[in-house]
Amino acid sequence: MEYGIIEQDKEAENLVKWFLLNSQIKENNAEIRELMKNYKEQNFRPERA
Protein backbone atom coordinates (compact mmCIF):
# COMPACT_ATOMS: atom_id res chain seq x y z
CA MET A 1 0.00 0.00 0.00
CA GLU A 2 1.15 3.51 -0.65
CA TYR A 3 0.01 5.76 2.18
CA GLY A 4 3.32 7.51 2.84
CA ILE A 5 3.98 7.64 6.55
CA ILE A 6 1.37 4.97 7.26
CA GLU A 7 3.69 2.40 5.68
CA GLN A 8 6.06 3.01 8.62
CA ASP A 9 3.32 2.51 11.22
CA LYS A 10 2.22 -1.13 11.12
CA GLU A 11 -0.72 -0.54 13.46
CA ALA A 12 -2.05 2.29 11.28
CA GLU A 13 -1.52 0.19 8.15
CA ASN A 14 -3.44 -2.70 9.72
CA LEU A 15 -6.25 -0.33 10.68
CA VAL A 16 -6.51 0.96 7.10
CA LYS A 17 -6.52 -2.61 5.74
CA TRP A 18 -9.19 -3.62 8.29
CA PHE A 19 -11.35 -0.62 7.37
CA LEU A 20 -11.11 -1.39 3.65
CA LEU A 21 -11.88 -5.08 4.21
CA ASN A 22 -14.78 -4.25 6.54
CA SER A 23 -16.22 -1.90 3.93
CA GLN A 24 -15.99 -4.59 1.26
CA ILE A 25 -17.71 -7.11 3.54
CA LYS A 26 -20.57 -4.65 4.14
CA GLU A 27 -20.95 -4.08 0.40
CA ASN A 28 -20.97 -7.84 -0.23
CA ASN A 29 -23.57 -8.42 2.49
CA ALA A 30 -25.80 -5.70 1.05
CA GLU A 31 -25.53 -7.30 -2.39
CA ILE A 32 -26.35 -10.74 -0.97
CA ARG A 33 -29.40 -9.33 0.85
CA GLU A 34 -30.62 -7.72 -2.37
CA LEU A 35 -30.11 -10.94 -4.35
CA MET A 36 -31.96 -12.98 -1.72
CA LYS A 37 -34.81 -10.45 -1.71
CA ASN A 38 -35.13 -10.70 -5.49
CA TYR A 39 -34.93 -14.52 -5.36
CA LYS A 40 -37.68 -14.72 -2.75
CA GLU A 41 -39.89 -12.31 -4.68
CA GLN A 42 -39.53 -14.39 -7.85
CA ASN A 43 -39.81 -17.86 -6.34
CA PHE A 44 -42.10 -17.62 -3.34
CA ARG A 45 -45.05 -15.63 -4.59
CA PRO A 46 -48.35 -16.97 -3.29
CA GLU A 47 -50.33 -18.64 -6.03
CA ARG A 48 -53.57 -16.90 -6.88
CA ALA A 49 -56.73 -19.01 -6.99
PDB file of N, CA and C in Angstrom:
ATOM      1  N   MET A   1       0.839  -1.178   0.000  1.00  0.00           N
ATOM      2  CA  MET A   1       0.000   0.000   0.000  1.00  0.00           C
ATOM      3  C   MET A   1       0.879   1.234   0.000  1.00  0.00           C
ATOM      4  N   GLU A   2       0.389   2.274  -0.600  1.00  0.00           N
ATOM      5  CA  GLU A   2       1.145   3.507  -0.648  1.00  0.00           C
ATOM      6  C   GLU A   2       0.397   4.609   0.082  1.00  0.00           C
ATOM      7  N   TYR A   3       0.638   4.726   1.374  1.00  0.00           N
ATOM      8  CA  TYR A   3       0.009   5.762   2.183  1.00  0.00           C
ATOM      9  C   TYR A   3       1.064   6.639   2.838  1.00  0.00           C
ATOM     10  N   GLY A   4       2.261   6.672   2.288  1.00  0.00           N
ATOM     11  CA  GLY A   4       3.322   7.509   2.839  1.00  0.00           C
ATOM     12  C   GLY A   4       3.741   7.052   4.213  1.00  0.00           C
ATOM     13  N   ILE A   5       3.530   7.908   5.189  1.00  0.00           N
ATOM     14  CA  ILE A   5       3.976   7.641   6.555  1.00  0.00           C
ATOM     15  C   ILE A   5       3.289   6.428   7.173  1.00  0.00           C
ATOM     16  N   ILE A   6       2.096   6.111   6.709  1.00  0.00           N
ATOM     17  CA  ILE A   6       1.369   4.966   7.260  1.00  0.00           C
ATOM     18  C   ILE A   6       2.144   3.672   7.036  1.00  0.00           C
ATOM     19  N   GLU A   7       2.903   3.611   5.940  1.00  0.00           N
ATOM     20  CA  GLU A   7       3.689   2.403   5.683  1.00  0.00           C
ATOM     21  C   GLU A   7       4.674   2.131   6.819  1.00  0.00           C
ATOM     22  N   GLN A   8       5.092   3.167   7.531  1.00  0.00           N
ATOM     23  CA  GLN A   8       6.058   3.007   8.615  1.00  0.00           C
ATOM     24  C   GLN A   8       5.373   2.628   9.924  1.00  0.00           C
ATOM     25  N   ASP A   9       4.079   2.811  10.009  1.00  0.00           N
ATOM     26  CA  ASP A   9       3.324   2.508  11.220  1.00  0.00           C
ATOM     27  C   ASP A   9       2.447   1.291  10.960  1.00  0.00           C
ATOM     28  N   LYS A  10       2.911   0.133  11.409  1.00  0.00           N
ATOM     29  CA  LYS A  10       2.221  -1.128  11.122  1.00  0.00           C
ATOM     30  C   LYS A  10       0.807  -1.128  11.688  1.00  0.00           C
ATOM     31  N   GLU A  11       0.614  -0.555  12.857  1.00  0.00           N
ATOM     32  CA  GLU A  11      -0.724  -0.536  13.457  1.00  0.00           C
ATOM     33  C   GLU A  11      -1.687   0.305  12.611  1.00  0.00           C
ATOM     34  N   ALA A  12      -1.212   1.450  12.128  1.00  0.00           N
ATOM     35  CA  ALA A  12      -2.047   2.293  11.275  1.00  0.00           C
ATOM     36  C   ALA A  12      -2.334   1.588   9.951  1.00  0.00           C
ATOM     37  N   GLU A  13      -1.333   0.924   9.404  1.00  0.00           N
ATOM     38  CA  GLU A  13      -1.524   0.191   8.151  1.00  0.00           C
ATOM     39  C   GLU A  13      -2.553  -0.918   8.331  1.00  0.00           C
ATOM     40  N   ASN A  14      -2.470  -1.642   9.439  1.00  0.00           N
ATOM     41  CA  ASN A  14      -3.439  -2.702   9.717  1.00  0.00           C
ATOM     42  C   ASN A  14      -4.843  -2.135   9.887  1.00  0.00           C
ATOM     43  N   LEU A  15      -4.954  -0.960  10.511  1.00  0.00           N
ATOM     44  CA  LEU A  15      -6.253  -0.326  10.684  1.00  0.00           C
ATOM     45  C   LEU A  15      -6.850   0.051   9.333  1.00  0.00           C
ATOM     46  N   VAL A  16      -6.039   0.596   8.435  1.00  0.00           N
ATOM     47  CA  VAL A  16      -6.513   0.960   7.100  1.00  0.00           C
ATOM     48  C   VAL A  16      -6.950  -0.288   6.351  1.00  0.00           C
ATOM     49  N   LYS A  17      -6.163  -1.353   6.418  1.00  0.00           N
ATOM     50  CA  LYS A  17      -6.521  -2.613   5.744  1.00  0.00           C
ATOM     51  C   LYS A  17      -7.823  -3.167   6.311  1.00  0.00           C
ATOM     52  N   TRP A  18      -7.972  -3.130   7.660  1.00  0.00           N
ATOM     53  CA  TRP A  18      -9.194  -3.624   8.289  1.00  0.00           C
ATOM     54  C   TRP A  18     -10.393  -2.817   7.822  1.00  0.00           C
ATOM     55  N   PHE A  19     -10.246  -1.487   7.787  1.00  0.00           N
ATOM     56  CA  PHE A  19     -11.348  -0.621   7.365  1.00  0.00           C
ATOM     57  C   PHE A  19     -11.772  -0.937   5.936  1.00  0.00           C
ATOM     58  N   LEU A  20     -10.800  -1.083   5.041  1.00  0.00           N
ATOM     59  CA  LEU A  20     -11.114  -1.392   3.647  1.00  0.00           C
ATOM     60  C   LEU A  20     -11.791  -2.752   3.524  1.00  0.00           C
ATOM     61  N   LEU A  21     -11.288  -3.750   4.245  1.00  0.00           N
ATOM     62  CA  LEU A  21     -11.875  -5.081   4.213  1.00  0.00           C
ATOM     63  C   LEU A  21     -13.288  -5.057   4.792  1.00  0.00           C
ATOM     64  N   ASN A  22     -13.471  -4.345   5.907  1.00  0.00           N
ATOM     65  CA  ASN A  22     -14.779  -4.248   6.537  1.00  0.00           C
ATOM     66  C   ASN A  22     -15.781  -3.588   5.594  1.00  0.00           C
ATOM     67  N   SER A  23     -15.338  -2.572   4.887  1.00  0.00           N
ATOM     68  CA  SER A  23     -16.216  -1.896   3.927  1.00  0.00           C
ATOM     69  C   SER A  23     -16.623  -2.836   2.804  1.00  0.00           C
ATOM     70  N   GLN A  24     -15.686  -3.646   2.324  1.00  0.00           N
ATOM     71  CA  GLN A  24     -15.989  -4.594   1.261  1.00  0.00           C
ATOM     72  C   GLN A  24     -16.963  -5.657   1.743  1.00  0.00           C
ATOM     73  N   ILE A  25     -16.792  -6.115   2.975  1.00  0.00           N
ATOM     74  CA  ILE A  25     -17.712  -7.108   3.541  1.00  0.00           C
ATOM     75  C   ILE A  25     -19.126  -6.530   3.624  1.00  0.00           C
ATOM     76  N   LYS A  26     -19.250  -5.279   4.060  1.00  0.00           N
ATOM     77  CA  LYS A  26     -20.568  -4.648   4.144  1.00  0.00           C
ATOM     78  C   LYS A  26     -21.208  -4.536   2.767  1.00  0.00           C
ATOM     79  N   GLU A  27     -20.422  -4.166   1.765  1.00  0.00           N
ATOM     80  CA  GLU A  27     -20.950  -4.083   0.399  1.00  0.00           C
ATOM     81  C   GLU A  27     -21.413  -5.454  -0.081  1.00  0.00           C
ATOM     82  N   ASN A  28     -20.612  -6.482   0.184  1.00  0.00           N
ATOM     83  CA  ASN A  28     -20.972  -7.839  -0.228  1.00  0.00           C
ATOM     84  C   ASN A  28     -22.246  -8.294   0.463  1.00  0.00           C
ATOM     85  N   ASN A  29     -22.368  -8.021   1.755  1.00  0.00           N
ATOM     86  CA  ASN A  29     -23.573  -8.417   2.494  1.00  0.00           C
ATOM     87  C   ASN A  29     -24.805  -7.721   1.949  1.00  0.00           C
ATOM     88  N   ALA A  30     -24.667  -6.441   1.615  1.00  0.00           N
ATOM     89  CA  ALA A  30     -25.798  -5.705   1.054  1.00  0.00           C
ATOM     90  C   ALA A  30     -26.205  -6.302  -0.288  1.00  0.00           C
ATOM     91  N   GLU A  31     -25.227  -6.683  -1.098  1.00  0.00           N
ATOM     92  CA  GLU A  31     -25.529  -7.297  -2.389  1.00  0.00           C
ATOM     93  C   GLU A  31     -26.206  -8.655  -2.202  1.00  0.00           C
ATOM     94  N   ILE A  32     -25.740  -9.434  -1.246  1.00  0.00           N
ATOM     95  CA  ILE A  32     -26.345 -10.741  -0.970  1.00  0.00           C
ATOM     96  C   ILE A  32     -27.789 -10.559  -0.504  1.00  0.00           C
ATOM     97  N   ARG A  33     -28.031  -9.583   0.387  1.00  0.00           N
ATOM     98  CA  ARG A  33     -29.401  -9.328   0.855  1.00  0.00           C
ATOM     99  C   ARG A  33     -30.312  -8.951  -0.309  1.00  0.00           C
ATOM    100  N   GLU A  34     -29.826  -8.127  -1.213  1.00  0.00           N
ATOM    101  CA  GLU A  34     -30.620  -7.716  -2.369  1.00  0.00           C
ATOM    102  C   GLU A  34     -30.910  -8.906  -3.283  1.00  0.00           C
ATOM    103  N   LEU A  35     -29.908  -9.750  -3.522  1.00  0.00           N
ATOM    104  CA  LEU A  35     -30.109 -10.942  -4.352  1.00  0.00           C
ATOM    105  C   LEU A  35     -31.119 -11.892  -3.724  1.00  0.00           C
ATOM    106  N   MET A  36     -31.016 -12.095  -2.405  1.00  0.00           N
ATOM    107  CA  MET A  36     -31.962 -12.976  -1.719  1.00  0.00           C
ATOM    108  C   MET A  36     -33.373 -12.406  -1.767  1.00  0.00           C
ATOM    109  N   LYS A  37     -33.503 -11.095  -1.616  1.00  0.00           N
ATOM    110  CA  LYS A  37     -34.807 -10.451  -1.707  1.00  0.00           C
ATOM    111  C   LYS A  37     -35.418 -10.694  -3.083  1.00  0.00           C
ATOM    112  N   ASN A  38     -34.643 -10.488  -4.124  1.00  0.00           N
ATOM    113  CA  ASN A  38     -35.126 -10.704  -5.488  1.00  0.00           C
ATOM    114  C   ASN A  38     -35.486 -12.169  -5.726  1.00  0.00           C
ATOM    115  N   TYR A  39     -34.667 -13.084  -5.212  1.00  0.00           N
ATOM    116  CA  TYR A  39     -34.926 -14.515  -5.357  1.00  0.00           C
ATOM    117  C   TYR A  39     -36.253 -14.884  -4.697  1.00  0.00           C
ATOM    118  N   LYS A  40     -36.445 -14.402  -3.476  1.00  0.00           N
ATOM    119  CA  LYS A  40     -37.680 -14.718  -2.753  1.00  0.00           C
ATOM    120  C   LYS A  40     -38.895 -14.139  -3.461  1.00  0.00           C
ATOM    121  N   GLU A  41     -38.773 -12.928  -3.969  1.00  0.00           N
ATOM    122  CA  GLU A  41     -39.894 -12.310  -4.680  1.00  0.00           C
ATOM    123  C   GLU A  41     -40.263 -13.103  -5.930  1.00  0.00           C
ATOM    124  N   GLN A  42     -39.284 -13.660  -6.604  1.00  0.00           N
ATOM    125  CA  GLN A  42     -39.535 -14.386  -7.848  1.00  0.00           C
ATOM    126  C   GLN A  42     -39.993 -15.822  -7.615  1.00  0.00           C
ATOM    127  N   ASN A  43     -39.573 -16.430  -6.539  1.00  0.00           N
ATOM    128  CA  ASN A  43     -39.808 -17.858  -6.340  1.00  0.00           C
ATOM    129  C   ASN A  43     -40.811 -18.212  -5.263  1.00  0.00           C
ATOM    130  N   PHE A  44     -41.205 -17.276  -4.434  1.00  0.00           N
ATOM    131  CA  PHE A  44     -42.096 -17.617  -3.345  1.00  0.00           C
ATOM    132  C   PHE A  44     -43.351 -16.750  -3.343  1.00  0.00           C
ATOM    133  N   ARG A  45     -43.813 -16.378  -4.496  1.00  0.00           N
ATOM    134  CA  ARG A  45     -45.055 -15.626  -4.588  1.00  0.00           C
ATOM    135  C   ARG A  45     -46.212 -16.559  -4.301  1.00  0.00           C
ATOM    136  N   PRO A  46     -47.177 -16.115  -3.523  1.00  0.00           N
ATOM    137  CA  PRO A  46     -48.349 -16.974  -3.292  1.00  0.00           C
ATOM    138  C   PRO A  46     -49.127 -17.148  -4.594  1.00  0.00           C
ATOM    139  N   GLU A  47     -49.552 -18.370  -4.818  1.00  0.00           N
ATOM    140  CA  GLU A  47     -50.334 -18.639  -6.035  1.00  0.00           C
ATOM    141  C   GLU A  47     -51.737 -18.095  -5.875  1.00  0.00           C
ATOM    142  N   ARG A  48     -52.222 -17.468  -6.916  1.00  0.00           N
ATOM    143  CA  ARG A  48     -53.569 -16.903  -6.875  1.00  0.00           C
ATOM    144  C   ARG A  48     -54.570 -17.944  -7.342  1.00  0.00           C
ATOM    145  N   ALA A  49     -55.695 -18.014  -6.658  1.00  0.00           N
ATOM    146  CA  ALA A  49     -56.726 -19.007  -6.994  1.00  0.00           C
ATOM    147  C   ALA A  49     -57.607 -18.544  -8.127  1.00  0.00           C
TER     148      ALA A  49
END
